[in-house]
C-alpha atoms as a PDB file:
ATOM      1  CA  MET A   1      -3.424  -9.070 -17.331  1.00  0.00           C
ATOM      2  CA  SER A   2      -4.357  -6.636 -20.105  1.00  0.00           C
ATOM      3  CA  ASP A   3      -2.061  -4.652 -22.382  1.00  0.00           C
ATOM      4  CA  GLN A   4      -3.443  -1.461 -20.852  1.00  0.00           C
ATOM      5  CA  GLU A   5      -2.608  -2.551 -17.285  1.00  0.00           C
ATOM      6  CA  PRO A   6       0.656  -4.534 -17.511  1.00  0.00           C
ATOM      7  CA  THR A   7       1.426  -4.089 -13.815  1.00  0.00           C
ATOM      8  CA  LEU A   8      -1.978  -5.204 -12.527  1.00  0.00           C
ATOM      9  CA  LEU A   9      -1.704  -8.639 -10.927  1.00  0.00           C
ATOM     10  CA  ALA A  10      -5.239  -8.981  -9.573  1.00  0.00           C
ATOM     11  CA  ARG A  11      -8.488  -7.113  -9.097  1.00  0.00           C
ATOM     12  CA  PHE A  12     -11.282  -8.271  -6.794  1.00  0.00           C
ATOM     13  CA  GLN A  13     -13.831  -7.032  -4.273  1.00  0.00           C
ATOM     14  CA  VAL A  14     -14.336  -7.716  -0.573  1.00  0.00           C
ATOM     15  CA  ASP A  15     -17.804  -6.638   0.489  1.00  0.00           C
ATOM     16  CA  ALA A  16     -18.046  -3.064  -0.909  1.00  0.00           C
ATOM     17  CA  LEU A  17     -14.280  -2.519  -1.044  1.00  0.00           C
ATOM     18  CA  GLU A  18     -12.542  -2.779  -4.425  1.00  0.00           C
ATOM     19  CA  VAL A  19      -8.969  -4.100  -4.357  1.00  0.00           C
ATOM     20  CA  GLU A  20      -6.155  -3.905  -6.891  1.00  0.00           C
ATOM     21  CA  ILE A  21      -2.793  -5.654  -6.531  1.00  0.00           C
ATOM     22  CA  HIS A  22       0.071  -4.221  -8.588  1.00  0.00           C
ATOM     23  CA  GLU A  23       3.586  -5.454  -9.220  1.00  0.00           C
ATOM     24  CA  THR A  24       5.415  -2.735  -7.257  1.00  0.00           C
ATOM     25  CA  ARG A  25       4.635   0.125  -4.883  1.00  0.00           C
ATOM     26  CA  ALA A  26       5.471   2.587  -7.660  1.00  0.00           C
ATOM     27  CA  HIS A  27       2.875   0.977  -9.920  1.00  0.00           C
ATOM     28  CA  ALA A  28       0.284   0.943  -7.130  1.00  0.00           C
ATOM     29  CA  GLY A  29       0.930   4.612  -6.337  1.00  0.00           C
ATOM     30  CA  ARG A  30       0.627   5.672  -9.953  1.00  0.00           C
ATOM     31  CA  ALA A  31      -2.585   3.670 -10.386  1.00  0.00           C
ATOM     32  CA  ALA A  32      -4.065   5.368  -7.315  1.00  0.00           C
ATOM     33  CA  ALA A  33      -3.044   8.796  -8.614  1.00  0.00           C
ATOM     34  CA  LYS A  34      -4.733   8.073 -11.920  1.00  0.00           C
ATOM     35  CA  GLY A  35      -7.884   6.973 -10.107  1.00  0.00           C
ATOM     36  CA  VAL A  36      -7.964  10.071  -7.899  1.00  0.00           C
ATOM     37  CA  ALA A  37      -7.367  12.371 -10.879  1.00  0.00           C
ATOM     38  CA  SER A  38     -10.378  10.790 -12.601  1.00  0.00           C
ATOM     39  CA  ALA A  39     -12.474  11.181  -9.430  1.00  0.00           C
ATOM     40  CA  ILE A  40     -11.506  14.855  -9.185  1.00  0.00           C
ATOM     41  CA  ALA A  41     -12.586  15.412 -12.787  1.00  0.00           C
ATOM     42  CA  ARG A  42     -15.907  13.638 -12.211  1.00  0.00           C
ATOM     43  CA  THR A  43     -16.576  15.699  -9.096  1.00  0.00           C
ATOM     44  CA  LEU A  44     -15.736  19.004 -10.799  1.00  0.00           C
ATOM     45  CA  ALA A  45     -18.082  18.112 -13.640  1.00  0.00           C
ATOM     46  CA  GLN A  46     -20.900  18.158 -11.083  1.00  0.00           C
ATOM     47  CA  LYS A  47     -19.893  20.960  -8.687  1.00  0.00           C
ATOM     48  CA  ASN A  48     -17.621  23.991  -8.519  1.00  0.00           C
ATOM     49  CA  GLN A  49     -15.250  22.759  -5.820  1.00  0.00           C
ATOM     50  CA  VAL A  50     -13.644  19.502  -4.749  1.00  0.00           C
ATOM     51  CA  ASN A  51     -12.594  18.864  -1.144  1.00  0.00           C
ATOM     52  CA  ILE A  52      -9.858  16.278  -0.604  1.00  0.00           C
ATOM     53  CA  VAL A  53      -8.396  14.846   2.614  1.00  0.00           C
ATOM     54  CA  PHE A  54      -4.797  13.641   2.353  1.00  0.00           C
ATOM     55  CA  ALA A  55      -2.763  11.243   4.453  1.00  0.00           C
ATOM     56  CA  ALA A  56       0.880  11.995   5.219  1.00  0.00           C
ATOM     57  CA  ALA A  57       3.223   9.000   5.356  1.00  0.00           C
ATOM     58  CA  PRO A  58       6.009   7.434   3.289  1.00  0.00           C
ATOM     59  CA  SER A  59       3.448   4.990   1.910  1.00  0.00           C
ATOM     60  CA  GLN A  60       1.951   7.944   0.023  1.00  0.00           C
ATOM     61  CA  ASP A  61       5.177   9.059  -1.698  1.00  0.00           C
ATOM     62  CA  GLU A  62       4.557   7.458  -5.077  1.00  0.00           C
ATOM     63  CA  PHE A  63       0.872   8.355  -5.061  1.00  0.00           C
ATOM     64  CA  LEU A  64       1.536  12.043  -4.382  1.00  0.00           C
ATOM     65  CA  ALA A  65       4.299  12.098  -6.990  1.00  0.00           C
ATOM     66  CA  GLY A  66       1.757  10.783  -9.470  1.00  0.00           C
ATOM     67  CA  LEU A  67      -0.668  13.576  -8.612  1.00  0.00           C
ATOM     68  CA  VAL A  68       2.042  16.216  -8.956  1.00  0.00           C
ATOM     69  CA  ALA A  69       2.968  14.852 -12.386  1.00  0.00           C
ATOM     70  CA  ASP A  70      -0.638  14.897 -13.639  1.00  0.00           C
ATOM     71  CA  ALA A  71      -1.163  18.118 -15.586  1.00  0.00           C
ATOM     72  CA  THR A  72      -4.869  17.461 -16.157  1.00  0.00           C
ATOM     73  CA  ILE A  73      -5.970  18.166 -12.559  1.00  0.00           C
ATOM     74  CA  ASP A  74      -7.687  21.525 -11.972  1.00  0.00           C
ATOM     75  CA  TRP A  75      -6.125  22.487  -8.640  1.00  0.00           C
ATOM     76  CA  SER A  76      -7.695  25.978  -8.757  1.00  0.00           C
ATOM     77  CA  ARG A  77     -10.989  24.401  -7.707  1.00  0.00           C
ATOM     78  CA  ALA A  78      -9.566  22.104  -5.039  1.00  0.00           C
ATOM     79  CA  THR A  79      -9.283  22.476  -1.266  1.00  0.00           C
ATOM     80  CA  ALA A  80      -6.995  20.122   0.632  1.00  0.00           C
ATOM     81  CA  TYR A  81      -7.351  18.900   4.196  1.00  0.00           C
ATOM     82  CA  HIS A  82      -5.189  16.459   6.068  1.00  0.00           C
ATOM     83  CA  MET A  83      -6.285  13.694   8.358  1.00  0.00           C
ATOM     84  CA  ASP A  84      -3.993  13.912  11.365  1.00  0.00           C
ATOM     85  CA  GLU A  85      -1.186  15.818  13.048  1.00  0.00           C
ATOM     86  CA  TYR A  86       0.973  15.295  16.108  1.00  0.00           C
ATOM     87  CA  LEU A  87      -0.035  17.270  19.170  1.00  0.00           C
ATOM     88  CA  GLY A  88       2.658  19.831  19.942  1.00  0.00           C
ATOM     89  CA  LEU A  89       4.624  19.688  16.677  1.00  0.00           C
ATOM     90  CA  ALA A  90       5.212  22.892  14.747  1.00  0.00           C
ATOM     91  CA  ALA A  91       4.451  22.960  11.020  1.00  0.00           C
ATOM     92  CA  ASP A  92       8.163  23.114  10.148  1.00  0.00           C
ATOM     93  CA  HIS A  93       9.189  20.162  12.332  1.00  0.00           C
ATOM     94  CA  PRO A  94      10.848  17.470  10.168  1.00  0.00           C
ATOM     95  CA  ALA A  95       8.196  14.916  11.203  1.00  0.00           C
ATOM     96  CA  SER A  96       5.210  17.254  10.861  1.00  0.00           C
ATOM     97  CA  PHE A  97       2.565  15.963   8.505  1.00  0.00           C
ATOM     98  CA  ARG A  98       1.961  19.514   7.310  1.00  0.00           C
ATOM     99  CA  ARG A  99       5.601  19.744   6.289  1.00  0.00           C
ATOM    100  CA  TYR A 100       5.397  16.377   4.542  1.00  0.00           C
ATOM    101  CA  LEU A 101       2.381  17.417   2.474  1.00  0.00           C
ATOM    102  CA  ASN A 102       3.812  20.840   1.728  1.00  0.00           C
ATOM    103  CA  GLU A 103       7.041  19.339   0.394  1.00  0.00           C
ATOM    104  CA  ARG A 104       5.353  16.633  -1.676  1.00  0.00           C
ATOM    105  CA  LEU A 105       2.195  18.354  -2.915  1.00  0.00           C
ATOM    106  CA  PHE A 106       1.181  21.814  -1.720  1.00  0.00           C
ATOM    107  CA  ARG A 107       4.274  23.771  -2.717  1.00  0.00           C
ATOM    108  CA  HIS A 108       4.100  22.263  -6.206  1.00  0.00           C
ATOM    109  CA  LYS A 109       0.461  23.169  -6.753  1.00  0.00           C
ATOM    110  CA  ALA A 110      -0.116  26.344  -4.704  1.00  0.00           C
ATOM    111  CA  SER A 111       0.647  28.486  -7.764  1.00  0.00           C
ATOM    112  CA  LEU A 112      -2.174  26.665  -9.565  1.00  0.00           C
ATOM    113  CA  GLY A 113      -4.662  27.647  -6.885  1.00  0.00           C
ATOM    114  CA  LEU A 114      -4.676  24.680  -4.519  1.00  0.00           C
ATOM    115  CA  ALA A 115      -5.879  25.813  -1.078  1.00  0.00           C
ATOM    116  CA  ALA A 116      -4.905  23.932   2.082  1.00  0.00           C
ATOM    117  CA  ARG A 117      -6.757  23.892   5.407  1.00  0.00           C
ATOM    118  CA  LEU A 118      -4.590  22.098   7.909  1.00  0.00           C
ATOM    119  CA  ILE A 119      -4.731  21.076  11.575  1.00  0.00           C
ATOM    120  CA  PRO A 120      -2.600  23.427  13.718  1.00  0.00           C
ATOM    121  CA  GLY A 121      -0.797  20.734  15.668  1.00  0.00           C
ATOM    122  CA  GLU A 122       1.206  23.204  17.717  1.00  0.00           C
ATOM    123  CA  LYS A 123      -1.976  24.348  19.494  1.00  0.00           C
ATOM    124  CA  VAL A 124      -1.834  22.411  22.754  1.00  0.00           C
ATOM    125  CA  ASP A 125      -3.479  24.744  25.267  1.00  0.00           C
ATOM    126  CA  ARG A 126      -7.100  24.267  24.133  1.00  0.00           C
ATOM    127  CA  PRO A 127      -7.135  21.110  21.998  1.00  0.00           C
ATOM    128  CA  LEU A 128     -10.894  20.627  22.186  1.00  0.00           C
ATOM    129  CA  PHE A 129     -11.378  24.034  20.576  1.00  0.00           C
ATOM    130  CA  THR A 130      -8.923  23.084  17.829  1.00  0.00           C
ATOM    131  CA  CYS A 131     -10.897  19.882  17.231  1.00  0.00           C
ATOM    132  CA  ALA A 132     -14.179  21.781  17.125  1.00  0.00           C
ATOM    133  CA  ASP A 133     -12.796  24.343  14.675  1.00  0.00           C
ATOM    134  CA  TYR A 134     -11.531  21.686  12.282  1.00  0.00           C
ATOM    135  CA  GLU A 135     -14.754  19.703  12.611  1.00  0.00           C
ATOM    136  CA  SER A 136     -16.636  22.865  11.653  1.00  0.00           C
ATOM    137  CA  LEU A 137     -14.590  23.120   8.457  1.00  0.00           C
ATOM    138  CA  LEU A 138     -15.343  19.495   7.584  1.00  0.00           C
ATOM    139  CA  LEU A 139     -19.051  20.073   8.162  1.00  0.00           C
ATOM    140  CA  GLN A 140     -19.110  23.264   6.083  1.00  0.00           C
ATOM    141  CA  THR A 141     -17.239  21.684   3.177  1.00  0.00           C
ATOM    142  CA  PRO A 142     -17.610  17.899   3.471  1.00  0.00           C
ATOM    143  CA  PRO A 143     -14.846  15.819   1.881  1.00  0.00           C
ATOM    144  CA  ASP A 144     -15.594  14.570  -1.616  1.00  0.00           C
ATOM    145  CA  MET A 145     -12.729  12.119  -1.366  1.00  0.00           C
ATOM    146  CA  ILE A 146     -10.164  10.819   1.084  1.00  0.00           C
ATOM    147  CA  CYS A 147      -6.670   9.690   0.103  1.00  0.00           C
ATOM    148  CA  ALA A 148      -5.485   7.385   2.860  1.00  0.00           C
ATOM    149  CA  GLY A 149      -3.159   4.609   3.930  1.00  0.00           C
ATOM    150  CA  ILE A 150      -3.433   1.713   6.376  1.00  0.00           C
ATOM    151  CA  GLY A 151      -1.220   1.532   9.442  1.00  0.00           C
ATOM    152  CA  GLU A 152       0.782  -1.493  10.481  1.00  0.00           C
ATOM    153  CA  ASN A 153      -1.754  -1.933  13.294  1.00  0.00           C
ATOM    154  CA  GLY A 154      -4.668  -1.509  10.882  1.00  0.00           C
ATOM    155  CA  HIS A 155      -5.370   2.090  11.792  1.00  0.00           C
ATOM    156  CA  LEU A 156      -7.055   4.679   9.580  1.00  0.00           C
ATOM    157  CA  ALA A 157      -5.632   8.144  10.206  1.00  0.00           C
ATOM    158  CA  PHE A 158      -4.637   7.941  13.889  1.00  0.00           C
ATOM    159  CA  ASN A 159      -7.626   5.818  14.849  1.00  0.00           C
ATOM    160  CA  ASP A 160      -5.604   3.027  16.460  1.00  0.00           C
ATOM    161  CA  PRO A 161      -7.480  -0.067  17.686  1.00  0.00           C
ATOM    162  CA  PRO A 162      -7.725   1.140  21.322  1.00  0.00           C
ATOM    163  CA  VAL A 163      -9.435   4.411  20.352  1.00  0.00           C
ATOM    164  CA  ALA A 164     -11.185   3.612  17.049  1.00  0.00           C
ATOM    165  CA  ASP A 165     -14.966   3.966  17.091  1.00  0.00           C
ATOM    166  CA  PHE A 166     -17.051   3.287  13.995  1.00  0.00           C
ATOM    167  CA  LEU A 167     -19.868   5.328  15.605  1.00  0.00           C
ATOM    168  CA  ASP A 168     -17.693   8.131  16.948  1.00  0.00           C
ATOM    169  CA  PRO A 169     -19.872  11.140  17.873  1.00  0.00           C
ATOM    170  CA  VAL A 170     -17.181  13.637  16.803  1.00  0.00           C
ATOM    171  CA  LEU A 171     -15.350  14.130  13.510  1.00  0.00           C
ATOM    172  CA  VAL A 172     -12.038  15.286  15.003  1.00  0.00           C
ATOM    173  CA  LYS A 173     -10.463  14.312  18.312  1.00  0.00           C
ATOM    174  CA  VAL A 174      -7.213  14.042  20.254  1.00  0.00           C
ATOM    175  CA  VAL A 175      -6.016  10.473  20.719  1.00  0.00           C
ATOM    176  CA  ARG A 176      -3.273   8.661  22.564  1.00  0.00           C
ATOM    177  CA  LEU A 177      -1.150   6.731  20.058  1.00  0.00           C
ATOM    178  CA  ASP A 178      -0.653   3.058  20.794  1.00  0.00           C
ATOM    179  CA  ALA A 179       2.783   1.425  20.902  1.00  0.00           C
ATOM    180  CA  ALA A 180       2.489  -0.218  17.479  1.00  0.00           C
ATOM    181  CA  CYS A 181       1.555   3.068  15.860  1.00  0.00           C
ATOM    182  CA  ARG A 182       4.460   4.912  17.472  1.00  0.00           C
ATOM    183  CA  LEU A 183       6.870   2.154  16.478  1.00  0.00           C
ATOM    184  CA  GLN A 184       5.710   2.465  12.875  1.00  0.00           C
ATOM    185  CA  GLN A 185       6.843   6.094  12.887  1.00  0.00           C
ATOM    186  CA  VAL A 186      10.335   4.872  13.795  1.00  0.00           C
ATOM    187  CA  ASN A 187      10.171   2.108  11.168  1.00  0.00           C
ATOM    188  CA  ASP A 188       9.180   4.717   8.574  1.00  0.00           C
ATOM    189  CA  GLY A 189      12.233   6.799   9.447  1.00  0.00           C
ATOM    190  CA  CYS A 190      10.228   9.745  10.740  1.00  0.00           C
ATOM    191  CA  PHE A 191      11.863   9.559  14.183  1.00  0.00           C
ATOM    192  CA  GLU A 192      15.171   8.098  15.333  1.00  0.00           C
ATOM    193  CA  GLN A 193      13.810   6.336  18.402  1.00  0.00           C
ATOM    194  CA  LEU A 194      10.508   5.516  20.066  1.00  0.00           C
ATOM    195  CA  ALA A 195      11.037   8.062  22.850  1.00  0.00           C
ATOM    196  CA  ASP A 196      11.048  10.839  20.238  1.00  0.00           C
ATOM    197  CA  VAL A 197       7.589   9.982  18.879  1.00  0.00           C
ATOM    198  CA  PRO A 198       4.790  12.141  20.342  1.00  0.00           C
ATOM    199  CA  THR A 199       2.293  10.266  22.476  1.00  0.00           C
ATOM    200  CA  HIS A 200      -0.803  12.181  21.316  1.00  0.00           C
ATOM    201  CA  ALA A 201      -2.191  13.494  18.061  1.00  0.00           C
ATOM    202  CA  TYR A 202      -5.166  15.143  16.418  1.00  0.00           C
ATOM    203  CA  THR A 203      -7.082  12.891  14.024  1.00  0.00           C
ATOM    204  CA  ILE A 204     -10.225  12.789  11.945  1.00  0.00           C
ATOM    205  CA  THR A 205     -12.436   9.914  13.037  1.00  0.00           C
ATOM    206  CA  ILE A 206     -13.851   6.853  11.304  1.00  0.00           C
ATOM    207  CA  PRO A 207     -17.250   8.452  10.483  1.00  0.00           C
ATOM    208  CA  VAL A 208     -15.446  10.962   8.235  1.00  0.00           C
ATOM    209  CA  PHE A 209     -14.306   7.998   6.149  1.00  0.00           C
ATOM    210  CA  LEU A 210     -17.743   6.405   6.177  1.00  0.00           C
ATOM    211  CA  ARG A 211     -19.343   9.580   4.795  1.00  0.00           C
ATOM    212  CA  ALA A 212     -16.873  10.187   1.961  1.00  0.00           C
ATOM    213  CA  PRO A 213     -18.140   9.375  -1.555  1.00  0.00           C
ATOM    214  CA  VAL A 214     -14.652   8.336  -2.734  1.00  0.00           C
ATOM    215  CA  ILE A 215     -11.821   6.767  -0.723  1.00  0.00           C
ATOM    216  CA  SER A 216      -8.472   5.901  -2.291  1.00  0.00           C
ATOM    217  CA  VAL A 217      -6.207   3.821  -0.056  1.00  0.00           C
ATOM    218  CA  VAL A 218      -2.567   3.040  -0.866  1.00  0.00           C
ATOM    219  CA  ALA A 219      -0.894   0.453   1.381  1.00  0.00           C
ATOM    220  CA  PRO A 220       2.372  -0.904  -0.044  1.00  0.00           C
ATOM    221  CA  GLY A 221       5.295  -2.752   1.483  1.00  0.00           C
ATOM    222  CA  PRO A 222       5.904  -5.961   3.425  1.00  0.00           C
ATOM    223  CA  ARG A 223       5.257  -4.402   6.846  1.00  0.00           C
ATOM    224  CA  LYS A 224       1.634  -3.796   5.807  1.00  0.00           C
ATOM    225  CA  ALA A 225       0.952  -7.442   4.918  1.00  0.00           C
ATOM    226  CA  GLN A 226      -0.572  -8.464   8.260  1.00  0.00           C
ATOM    227  CA  ALA A 227      -2.796  -5.371   8.399  1.00  0.00           C
ATOM    228  CA  VAL A 228      -3.935  -5.976   4.820  1.00  0.00           C
ATOM    229  CA  LEU A 229      -4.769  -9.597   5.651  1.00  0.00           C
ATOM    230  CA  ALA A 230      -6.813  -8.512   8.685  1.00  0.00           C
ATOM    231  CA  THR A 231      -8.543  -5.797   6.647  1.00  0.00           C
ATOM    232  CA  LEU A 232      -9.619  -8.133   3.862  1.00  0.00           C
ATOM    233  CA  ARG A 233     -10.094 -11.478   5.598  1.00  0.00           C
ATOM    234  CA  GLY A 234     -10.820 -10.728   9.235  1.00  0.00           C
ATOM    235  CA  PRO A 235     -14.058  -9.656  10.929  1.00  0.00           C
ATOM    236  CA  VAL A 236     -15.231  -6.068  10.562  1.00  0.00           C
ATOM    237  CA  THR A 237     -14.322  -4.617  13.938  1.00  0.00           C
ATOM    238  CA  GLU A 238     -12.551  -1.726  15.621  1.00  0.00           C
ATOM    239  CA  ALA A 239      -9.779  -4.197  16.480  1.00  0.00           C
ATOM    240  CA  CYS A 240      -8.714  -3.539  12.874  1.00  0.00           C
ATOM    241  CA  PRO A 241     -10.086  -0.078  12.071  1.00  0.00           C
ATOM    242  CA  ALA A 242      -9.345  -0.412   8.343  1.00  0.00           C
ATOM    243  CA  THR A 243     -12.062  -3.072   8.082  1.00  0.00           C
ATOM    244  CA  ALA A 244     -14.521  -0.143   8.093  1.00  0.00           C
ATOM    245  CA  LEU A 245     -13.507   0.361   4.455  1.00  0.00           C
ATOM    246  CA  ARG A 246     -15.389  -2.802   3.536  1.00  0.00           C
ATOM    247  CA  GLY A 247     -18.637  -0.925   4.149  1.00  0.00           C
ATOM    248  CA  CYS A 248     -17.708   2.004   1.879  1.00  0.00           C
ATOM    249  CA  ALA A 249     -19.079   1.690  -1.651  1.00  0.00           C
ATOM    250  CA  GLY A 250     -16.657   4.294  -2.997  1.00  0.00           C
ATOM    251  CA  ALA A 251     -13.508   2.797  -1.486  1.00  0.00           C
ATOM    252  CA  LYS A 252     -10.621   1.294  -3.429  1.00  0.00           C
ATOM    253  CA  LEU A 253      -7.486  -0.286  -1.976  1.00  0.00           C
ATOM    254  CA  TYR A 254      -4.217  -0.304  -3.945  1.00  0.00           C
ATOM    255  CA  LEU A 255      -1.634  -2.905  -2.909  1.00  0.00           C
ATOM    256  CA  ASP A 256       1.727  -4.066  -4.201  1.00  0.00           C
ATOM    257  CA  ARG A 257       2.984  -7.630  -4.321  1.00  0.00           C
ATOM    258  CA  ASP A 258       4.637  -7.266  -0.901  1.00  0.00           C
ATOM    259  CA  SER A 259       1.644  -5.942   1.013  1.00  0.00           C
ATOM    260  CA  ALA A 260      -0.682  -8.470  -0.637  1.00  0.00           C
ATOM    261  CA  ARG A 261       1.566 -11.496  -0.088  1.00  0.00           C
ATOM    262  CA  LEU A 262      -0.677 -13.050   2.615  1.00  0.00           C
ATOM    263  CA  VAL A 263      -3.932 -12.555   0.712  1.00  0.00           C
ATOM    264  CA  SER A 264      -4.861 -15.542  -1.427  1.00  0.00           C
END
């Protein structure tokens, strides 16, 4: 443990995936924010624009707070995307991922020029067209980095084990959420009961992750421990979608003591 990183408990690598374990979720979130800020600066030193995909979940609270507090980031040259949204939820719904990101990031940085291109979850009549439109945006301006989490069932975005496909032919699709994923939304306090959680959602697919030059993943808390164990020690398979990260040279996973407790 160095003087410069007093909260860092361990750093190691699993295949191509770098891993850091920090003392608390706050420390892990701040470390991830610092890493993403550096990646943004490196990208903007090479090109005029940086395209960033954000996850929306309580696991990202400390990370996003760290980004908001960082005055060095040039948001005027950044475009934000998000990785998933519930099918049928309006942008102002309390559980909408667009609302989450607006409250924790976009509204703080819009005056500095941050642009946001978000999935219109309320569009339910022609979902395939909505998927195609968002895929077109991702193809026109490919993500330079993805800021993600890992689900309790090992999902990336809303690619739950039953629908995850490492060779998915599309970049955006509508998926049926599995029971573990929907229960996590209740555990996270986003919904009062399981019956309230939507059954379907829009999501970017695994190949979007595999193509991104930089992936920052924050997965704190004791309920993530089993998924973290499967991600780092299990076989690389769609049964644990997050294992795809082990093939991404630009990926880094930030854990706290609780989420890393099963990893020796």
